[in-house]
PDB file of N, CA and C in Angstrom:
ATOM      1  N   MET A   1       0.763  -1.343  -0.238  1.00  0.00           N
ATOM      2  CA  MET A   1       0.112  -0.033  -0.032  1.00  0.00           C
ATOM      3  C   MET A   1       0.823   1.186   0.023  1.00  0.00           C
ATOM      4  N   TRP A   2       0.555   2.162  -0.608  1.00  0.00           N
ATOM      5  CA  TRP A   2       1.469   3.601  -0.903  1.00  0.00           C
ATOM      6  C   TRP A   2       0.313   4.975  -0.820  1.00  0.00           C
ATOM      7  N   VAL A   3       1.003   5.611  -0.854  1.00  0.00           N
ATOM      8  CA  VAL A   3       0.306   6.992  -0.717  1.00  0.00           C
ATOM      9  C   VAL A   3       1.209   8.304  -1.460  1.00  0.00           C
ATOM     10  N   GLU A   4       0.526   8.549  -2.712  1.00  0.00           N
ATOM     11  CA  GLU A   4       1.427   9.870  -2.444  1.00  0.00           C
ATOM     12  C   GLU A   4       0.843  11.097  -3.207  1.00  0.00           C
ATOM     13  N   GLY A   5       1.376  12.173  -2.889  1.00  0.00           N
ATOM     14  CA  GLY A   5       0.970  13.654  -3.638  1.00  0.00           C
ATOM     15  C   GLY A   5       1.845  14.640  -3.157  1.00  0.00           C
ATOM     16  N   PRO A   6       1.992  15.713  -3.278  1.00  0.00           N
ATOM     17  CA  PRO A   6       2.601  17.207  -3.002  1.00  0.00           C
ATOM     18  C   PRO A   6       2.962  17.232  -1.655  1.00  0.00           C
ATOM     19  N   LEU A   7       3.848  17.763  -1.113  1.00  0.00           N
ATOM     20  CA  LEU A   7       4.121  18.326   0.266  1.00  0.00           C
ATOM     21  C   LEU A   7       5.268  19.334   0.365  1.00  0.00           C
ATOM     22  N   ASP A   8       5.097  20.325   0.943  1.00  0.00           N
ATOM     23  CA  ASP A   8       6.412  20.673   1.290  1.00  0.00           C
ATOM     24  C   ASP A   8       6.641  20.994   3.022  1.00  0.00           C
ATOM     25  N   LEU A   9       7.797  20.635   2.673  1.00  0.00           N
ATOM     26  CA  LEU A   9       9.323  20.352   3.705  1.00  0.00           C
ATOM     27  C   LEU A   9      10.037  21.394   4.258  1.00  0.00           C
ATOM     28  N   SER A  10       9.537  22.269   3.826  1.00  0.00           N
ATOM     29  CA  SER A  10      10.673  23.310   4.010  1.00  0.00           C
ATOM     30  C   SER A  10      11.364  23.883   5.044  1.00  0.00           C
ATOM     31  N   PRO A  11      12.557  23.868   5.370  1.00  0.00           N
ATOM     32  CA  PRO A  11      13.737  23.977   4.671  1.00  0.00           C
ATOM     33  C   PRO A  11      14.130  22.555   3.786  1.00  0.00           C
ATOM     34  N   PHE A  12      13.601  21.562   4.125  1.00  0.00           N
ATOM     35  CA  PHE A  12      14.513  20.515   3.434  1.00  0.00           C
ATOM     36  C   PHE A  12      13.953  19.908   1.786  1.00  0.00           C
ATOM     37  N   GLY A  13      12.642  20.522   1.665  1.00  0.00           N
ATOM     38  CA  GLY A  13      12.727  20.458  -0.010  1.00  0.00           C
ATOM     39  C   GLY A  13      11.076  20.539   0.049  1.00  0.00           C
ATOM     40  N   ALA A  14      10.595  20.566  -1.025  1.00  0.00           N
ATOM     41  CA  ALA A  14       9.104  20.266  -1.593  1.00  0.00           C
ATOM     42  C   ALA A  14       8.893  19.558  -2.911  1.00  0.00           C
ATOM     43  N   GLY A  15       8.119  18.651  -3.048  1.00  0.00           N
ATOM     44  CA  GLY A  15       7.747  18.335  -4.697  1.00  0.00           C
ATOM     45  C   GLY A  15       7.075  16.868  -3.796  1.00  0.00           C
ATOM     46  N   GLU A  16       6.896  16.271  -4.869  1.00  0.00           N
ATOM     47  CA  GLU A  16       5.576  14.923  -4.708  1.00  0.00           C
ATOM     48  C   GLU A  16       6.211  13.655  -3.372  1.00  0.00           C
ATOM     49  N   ILE A  17       5.731  13.555  -2.662  1.00  0.00           N
ATOM     50  CA  ILE A  17       6.221  12.594  -1.212  1.00  0.00           C
ATOM     51  C   ILE A  17       5.479  11.453  -1.555  1.00  0.00           C
ATOM     52  N   THR A  18       6.138  10.269  -1.720  1.00  0.00           N
ATOM     53  CA  THR A  18       5.532   8.876  -1.257  1.00  0.00           C
ATOM     54  C   THR A  18       5.879   8.334   0.483  1.00  0.00           C
ATOM     55  N   ALA A  19       4.688   7.591   0.393  1.00  0.00           N
ATOM     56  CA  ALA A  19       4.797   6.722   1.486  1.00  0.00           C
ATOM     57  C   ALA A  19       4.279   5.780   0.885  1.00  0.00           C
ATOM     58  N   ARG A  20       5.167   4.448   1.299  1.00  0.00           N
ATOM     59  CA  ARG A  20       5.150   3.276   1.295  1.00  0.00           C
ATOM     60  C   ARG A  20       4.661   2.534   2.722  1.00  0.00           C
ATOM     61  N   PHE A  21       3.659   1.380   2.924  1.00  0.00           N
ATOM     62  CA  PHE A  21       3.455   0.769   4.240  1.00  0.00           C
ATOM     63  C   PHE A  21       3.382  -0.609   3.878  1.00  0.00           C
ATOM     64  N   SER A  22       3.927  -1.454   4.607  1.00  0.00           N
ATOM     65  CA  SER A  22       4.090  -3.108   4.794  1.00  0.00           C
ATOM     66  C   SER A  22       4.592  -3.111   6.410  1.00  0.00           C
ATOM     67  N   ASP A  23       4.105  -4.747   6.201  1.00  0.00           N
ATOM     68  CA  ASP A  23       4.483  -5.275   7.296  1.00  0.00           C
ATOM     69  C   ASP A  23       3.108  -4.890   8.209  1.00  0.00           C
ATOM     70  N   PHE A  24       2.055  -5.771   7.413  1.00  0.00           N
ATOM     71  CA  PHE A  24       0.639  -5.057   8.073  1.00  0.00           C
ATOM     72  C   PHE A  24      -0.113  -6.559   9.301  1.00  0.00           C
ATOM     73  N   ARG A  25       0.015  -6.222  10.192  1.00  0.00           N
ATOM     74  CA  ARG A  25      -0.230  -6.806  11.137  1.00  0.00           C
ATOM     75  C   ARG A  25      -1.640  -6.273  11.960  1.00  0.00           C
ATOM     76  N   ARG A  26      -2.770  -7.573  12.295  1.00  0.00           N
ATOM     77  CA  ARG A  26      -4.206  -7.135  13.135  1.00  0.00           C
ATOM     78  C   ARG A  26      -3.803  -6.732  14.320  1.00  0.00           C
ATOM     79  N   ARG A  27      -4.604  -5.729  14.724  1.00  0.00           N
ATOM     80  CA  ARG A  27      -4.873  -4.894  15.974  1.00  0.00           C
ATOM     81  C   ARG A  27      -6.062  -5.021  16.809  1.00  0.00           C
ATOM     82  N   GLY A  28      -6.725  -5.406  17.459  1.00  0.00           N
ATOM     83  CA  GLY A  28      -8.170  -5.361  17.773  1.00  0.00           C
ATOM     84  C   GLY A  28      -8.828  -5.833  16.548  1.00  0.00           C
ATOM     85  N   THR A  29      -9.742  -4.777  15.656  1.00  0.00           N
ATOM     86  CA  THR A  29     -10.770  -4.706  14.392  1.00  0.00           C
ATOM     87  C   THR A  29      -9.879  -4.652  13.449  1.00  0.00           C
ATOM     88  N   LEU A  30      -8.557  -3.807  13.445  1.00  0.00           N
ATOM     89  CA  LEU A  30      -7.879  -3.011  12.489  1.00  0.00           C
ATOM     90  C   LEU A  30      -6.505  -3.813  11.809  1.00  0.00           C
ATOM     91  N   TRP A  31      -6.330  -3.523  10.605  1.00  0.00           N
ATOM     92  CA  TRP A  31      -4.924  -4.076   9.929  1.00  0.00           C
ATOM     93  C   TRP A  31      -4.079  -2.852   9.875  1.00  0.00           C
ATOM     94  N   LEU A  32      -3.265  -2.795  10.868  1.00  0.00           N
ATOM     95  CA  LEU A  32      -2.027  -2.222  10.953  1.00  0.00           C
ATOM     96  C   LEU A  32      -1.021  -1.977   9.606  1.00  0.00           C
ATOM     97  N   PRO A  33      -0.107  -0.784   9.468  1.00  0.00           N
ATOM     98  CA  PRO A  33       0.898  -0.902   9.071  1.00  0.00           C
ATOM     99  C   PRO A  33       2.252  -0.990   9.943  1.00  0.00           C
ATOM    100  N   PHE A  34       2.813  -1.782  10.237  1.00  0.00           N
ATOM    101  CA  PHE A  34       3.986  -1.978  10.739  1.00  0.00           C
ATOM    102  C   PHE A  34       5.592  -1.355  10.458  1.00  0.00           C
ATOM    103  N   ALA A  35       5.482  -1.064   9.372  1.00  0.00           N
ATOM    104  CA  ALA A  35       6.735  -0.550   8.640  1.00  0.00           C
ATOM    105  C   ALA A  35       6.612   0.705   7.422  1.00  0.00           C
ATOM    106  N   ALA A  36       6.880   1.519   7.734  1.00  0.00           N
ATOM    107  CA  ALA A  36       6.857   2.568   6.640  1.00  0.00           C
ATOM    108  C   ALA A  36       8.167   3.609   6.146  1.00  0.00           C
ATOM    109  N   SER A  37       7.881   3.713   4.731  1.00  0.00           N
ATOM    110  CA  SER A  37       9.119   4.407   4.209  1.00  0.00           C
ATOM    111  C   SER A  37       8.651   5.466   3.283  1.00  0.00           C
ATOM    112  N   TYR A  38       9.551   6.583   3.357  1.00  0.00           N
ATOM    113  CA  TYR A  38       9.264   7.886   2.854  1.00  0.00           C
ATOM    114  C   TYR A  38      10.124   8.508   1.978  1.00  0.00           C
ATOM    115  N   SER A  39       9.675   8.721   0.870  1.00  0.00           N
ATOM    116  CA  SER A  39      10.628   9.260  -0.048  1.00  0.00           C
ATOM    117  C   SER A  39      10.215  10.729  -0.751  1.00  0.00           C
ATOM    118  N   LEU A  40      10.686  11.818  -1.255  1.00  0.00           N
ATOM    119  CA  LEU A  40      10.446  12.750  -1.312  1.00  0.00           C
ATOM    120  C   LEU A  40      11.387  13.116  -2.952  1.00  0.00           C
ATOM    121  N   ALA A  41      10.251  13.315  -3.891  1.00  0.00           N
ATOM    122  CA  ALA A  41      11.187  13.504  -5.067  1.00  0.00           C
ATOM    123  C   ALA A  41      12.040  12.722  -5.539  1.00  0.00           C
ATOM    124  N   GLY A  42      11.700  11.394  -5.190  1.00  0.00           N
ATOM    125  CA  GLY A  42      12.397   9.707  -5.544  1.00  0.00           C
ATOM    126  C   GLY A  42      14.099   9.556  -4.600  1.00  0.00           C
ATOM    127  N   THR A  43      13.964  11.094  -3.689  1.00  0.00           N
ATOM    128  CA  THR A  43      15.074  10.928  -2.796  1.00  0.00           C
ATOM    129  C   THR A  43      14.977   9.800  -1.327  1.00  0.00           C
ATOM    130  N   SER A  44      15.105   9.056  -0.894  1.00  0.00           N
ATOM    131  CA  SER A  44      14.757   8.475   0.483  1.00  0.00           C
ATOM    132  C   SER A  44      14.769   9.099   1.302  1.00  0.00           C
ATOM    133  N   LEU A  45      13.671   9.703   2.475  1.00  0.00           N
ATOM    134  CA  LEU A  45      13.740  10.692   3.313  1.00  0.00           C
ATOM    135  C   LEU A  45      13.844  10.080   4.828  1.00  0.00           C
ATOM    136  N   ALA A  46      12.957   8.526   4.718  1.00  0.00           N
ATOM    137  CA  ALA A  46      13.041   8.015   6.019  1.00  0.00           C
ATOM    138  C   ALA A  46      12.359   6.489   5.932  1.00  0.00           C
ATOM    139  N   ASP A  47      12.775   5.591   7.428  1.00  0.00           N
ATOM    140  CA  ASP A  47      12.684   4.398   7.189  1.00  0.00           C
ATOM    141  C   ASP A  47      12.065   4.507   9.088  1.00  0.00           C
ATOM    142  N   GLU A  48      10.429   4.401   9.217  1.00  0.00           N
ATOM    143  CA  GLU A  48      10.374   3.554  10.795  1.00  0.00           C
ATOM    144  C   GLU A  48       9.505   2.736  10.486  1.00  0.00           C
ATOM    145  N   SER A  49       9.447   2.127  11.623  1.00  0.00           N
ATOM    146  CA  SER A  49       8.595   1.088  12.535  1.00  0.00           C
ATOM    147  C   SER A  49       8.079   1.099  13.103  1.00  0.00           C
ATOM    148  N   VAL A  50       7.081   0.536  13.655  1.00  0.00           N
ATOM    149  CA  VAL A  50       5.947   0.389  15.081  1.00  0.00           C
ATOM    150  C   VAL A  50       6.653  -0.626  15.937  1.00  0.00           C
ATOM    151  N   LEU A  51       7.301  -0.079  17.017  1.00  0.00           N
ATOM    152  CA  LEU A  51       7.733  -0.840  18.430  1.00  0.00           C
ATOM    153  C   LEU A  51       6.362  -1.568  19.060  1.00  0.00           C
ATOM    154  N   ALA A  52       5.150  -0.884  19.400  1.00  0.00           N
ATOM    155  CA  ALA A  52       3.850  -0.995  20.178  1.00  0.00           C
ATOM    156  C   ALA A  52       2.724  -0.310  19.500  1.00  0.00           C
ATOM    157  N   ALA A  53       1.869  -1.024  19.449  1.00  0.00           N
ATOM    158  CA  ALA A  53       0.706  -0.257  19.204  1.00  0.00           C
ATOM    159  C   ALA A  53      -0.640  -0.834  19.582  1.00  0.00           C
ATOM    160  N   CYS A  54      -0.920   0.388  20.671  1.00  0.00           N
ATOM    161  CA  CYS A  54      -2.383   0.519  21.302  1.00  0.00           C
ATOM    162  C   CYS A  54      -3.514   0.303  20.038  1.00  0.00           C
ATOM    163  N   VAL A  55      -4.267  -0.123  20.491  1.00  0.00           N
ATOM    164  CA  VAL A  55      -6.090  -0.076  19.347  1.00  0.00           C
ATOM    165  C   VAL A  55      -6.689   0.651  20.718  1.00  0.00           C
ATOM    166  N   ASP A  56      -7.622   1.782  20.184  1.00  0.00           N
ATOM    167  CA  ASP A  56      -8.385   2.185  21.175  1.00  0.00           C
ATOM    168  C   ASP A  56      -8.271   2.005  22.854  1.00  0.00           C
ATOM    169  N   PRO A  57      -7.020   2.737  23.287  1.00  0.00           N
ATOM    170  CA  PRO A  57      -7.099   2.010  24.576  1.00  0.00           C
ATOM    171  C   PRO A  57      -7.883   2.490  25.605  1.00  0.00           C
ATOM    172  N   PRO A  58      -8.244   2.129  26.778  1.00  0.00           N
ATOM    173  CA  PRO A  58      -9.198   2.720  27.631  1.00  0.00           C
ATOM    174  C   PRO A  58      -8.856   3.965  28.248  1.00  0.00           C
ATOM    175  N   GLY A  59      -9.679   5.009  28.318  1.00  0.00           N
ATOM    176  CA  GLY A  59      -9.136   6.093  28.578  1.00  0.00           C
ATOM    177  C   GLY A  59      -8.623   7.133  27.669  1.00  0.00           C
ATOM    178  N   LEU A  60      -8.373   6.774  26.266  1.00  0.00           N
ATOM    179  CA  LEU A  60      -8.030   7.221  25.223  1.00  0.00           C
ATOM    180  C   LEU A  60      -9.259   8.693  25.047  1.00  0.00           C
ATOM    181  N   THR A  61      -9.438   9.967  24.976  1.00  0.00           N
ATOM    182  CA  THR A  61      -9.986  11.124  24.937  1.00  0.00           C
ATOM    183  C   THR A  61      -9.245  11.982  24.150  1.00  0.00           C
ATOM    184  N   PRO A  62      -9.968  12.982  23.287  1.00  0.00           N
ATOM    185  CA  PRO A  62      -9.409  14.256  22.273  1.00  0.00           C
ATOM    186  C   PRO A  62      -8.276  14.382  23.646  1.00  0.00           C
ATOM    187  N   ALA A  63      -8.697  14.987  24.539  1.00  0.00           N
ATOM    188  CA  ALA A  63      -7.645  15.825  25.385  1.00  0.00           C
ATOM    189  C   ALA A  63      -6.709  14.957  25.925  1.00  0.00           C
ATOM    190  N   ALA A  64      -6.918  13.707  25.835  1.00  0.00           N
ATOM    191  CA  ALA A  64      -5.072  13.002  26.095  1.00  0.00           C
ATOM    192  C   ALA A  64      -4.325  13.721  25.222  1.00  0.00           C
ATOM    193  N   PHE A  65      -4.483  14.273  24.022  1.00  0.00           N
ATOM    194  CA  PHE A  65      -3.588  14.635  23.003  1.00  0.00           C
ATOM    195  C   PHE A  65      -2.883  15.690  23.152  1.00  0.00           C
ATOM    196  N   THR A  66      -3.474  16.463  23.956  1.00  0.00           N
ATOM    197  CA  THR A  66      -3.106  18.029  23.973  1.00  0.00           C
ATOM    198  C   THR A  66      -1.877  17.852  25.612  1.00  0.00           C
ATOM    199  N   ASP A  67      -1.334  17.001  25.998  1.00  0.00           N
ATOM    200  CA  ASP A  67       0.228  16.728  26.532  1.00  0.00           C
ATOM    201  C   ASP A  67      -0.284  14.976  27.114  1.00  0.00           C
ATOM    202  N   PRO A  68       1.859  14.909  26.164  1.00  0.00           N
ATOM    203  CA  PRO A  68       1.609  13.004  26.260  1.00  0.00           C
ATOM    204  C   PRO A  68       1.451  12.697  27.586  1.00  0.00           C
ATOM    205  N   ALA A  69       1.819  13.060  28.763  1.00  0.00           N
ATOM    206  CA  ALA A  69       1.606  12.604  30.403  1.00  0.00           C
ATOM    207  C   ALA A  69       0.043  12.262  30.078  1.00  0.00           C
ATOM    208  N   ARG A  70      -0.980  12.495  29.508  1.00  0.00           N
ATOM    209  CA  ARG A  70      -2.161  12.299  29.953  1.00  0.00           C
ATOM    210  C   ARG A  70      -2.666  11.280  28.623  1.00  0.00           C
ATOM    211  N   LEU A  71      -1.561  10.651  27.955  1.00  0.00           N
ATOM    212  CA  LEU A  71      -2.125   9.389  26.862  1.00  0.00           C
ATOM    213  C   LEU A  71      -1.828   8.025  27.764  1.00  0.00           C
ATOM    214  N   PRO A  72      -2.951   7.270  27.357  1.00  0.00           N
ATOM    215  CA  PRO A  72      -3.161   6.052  28.626  1.00  0.00           C
ATOM    216  C   PRO A  72      -1.976   5.295  28.430  1.00  0.00           C
ATOM    217  N   SER A  73      -1.650   4.077  28.803  1.00  0.00           N
ATOM    218  CA  SER A  73      -0.420   3.333  29.050  1.00  0.00           C
ATOM    219  C   SER A  73      -1.139   2.212  27.733  1.00  0.00           C
ATOM    220  N   CYS A  74      -0.695   1.825  27.116  1.00  0.00           N
ATOM    221  CA  CYS A  74      -0.928   0.650  26.652  1.00  0.00           C
ATOM    222  C   CYS A  74      -0.946  -0.650  27.610  1.00  0.00           C
ATOM    223  N   PRO A  75      -1.988  -1.450  27.301  1.00  0.00           N
ATOM    224  CA  PRO A  75      -2.491  -2.781  28.296  1.00  0.00           C
ATOM    225  C   PRO A  75      -1.300  -3.796  28.114  1.00  0.00           C
TER     226      PRO A  75
END
C-alpha cells in the first residue's frame, strides 16, 4: 500500500512525497502497517517501524492529545 502527493517540507525540500506501508498486522479489528518508508521526489527520507500499537486503549479521549503525560498506557 502506498500514498503519494505534493508536500512542502521547507527547508528540506518540496515536491512529490511517497509513503509506502508494509508489514501489516492485525490489532483489534484493524490491520495496521508496522513499517513505512518515505521518499521525496525519488530521494529516500526515512524508514520507520512500529514497536508497539495500542488500538483504542481505555481512557483515550481527545483531551489526551493535548499533553503526552495524559495519554493512557498500552495494556
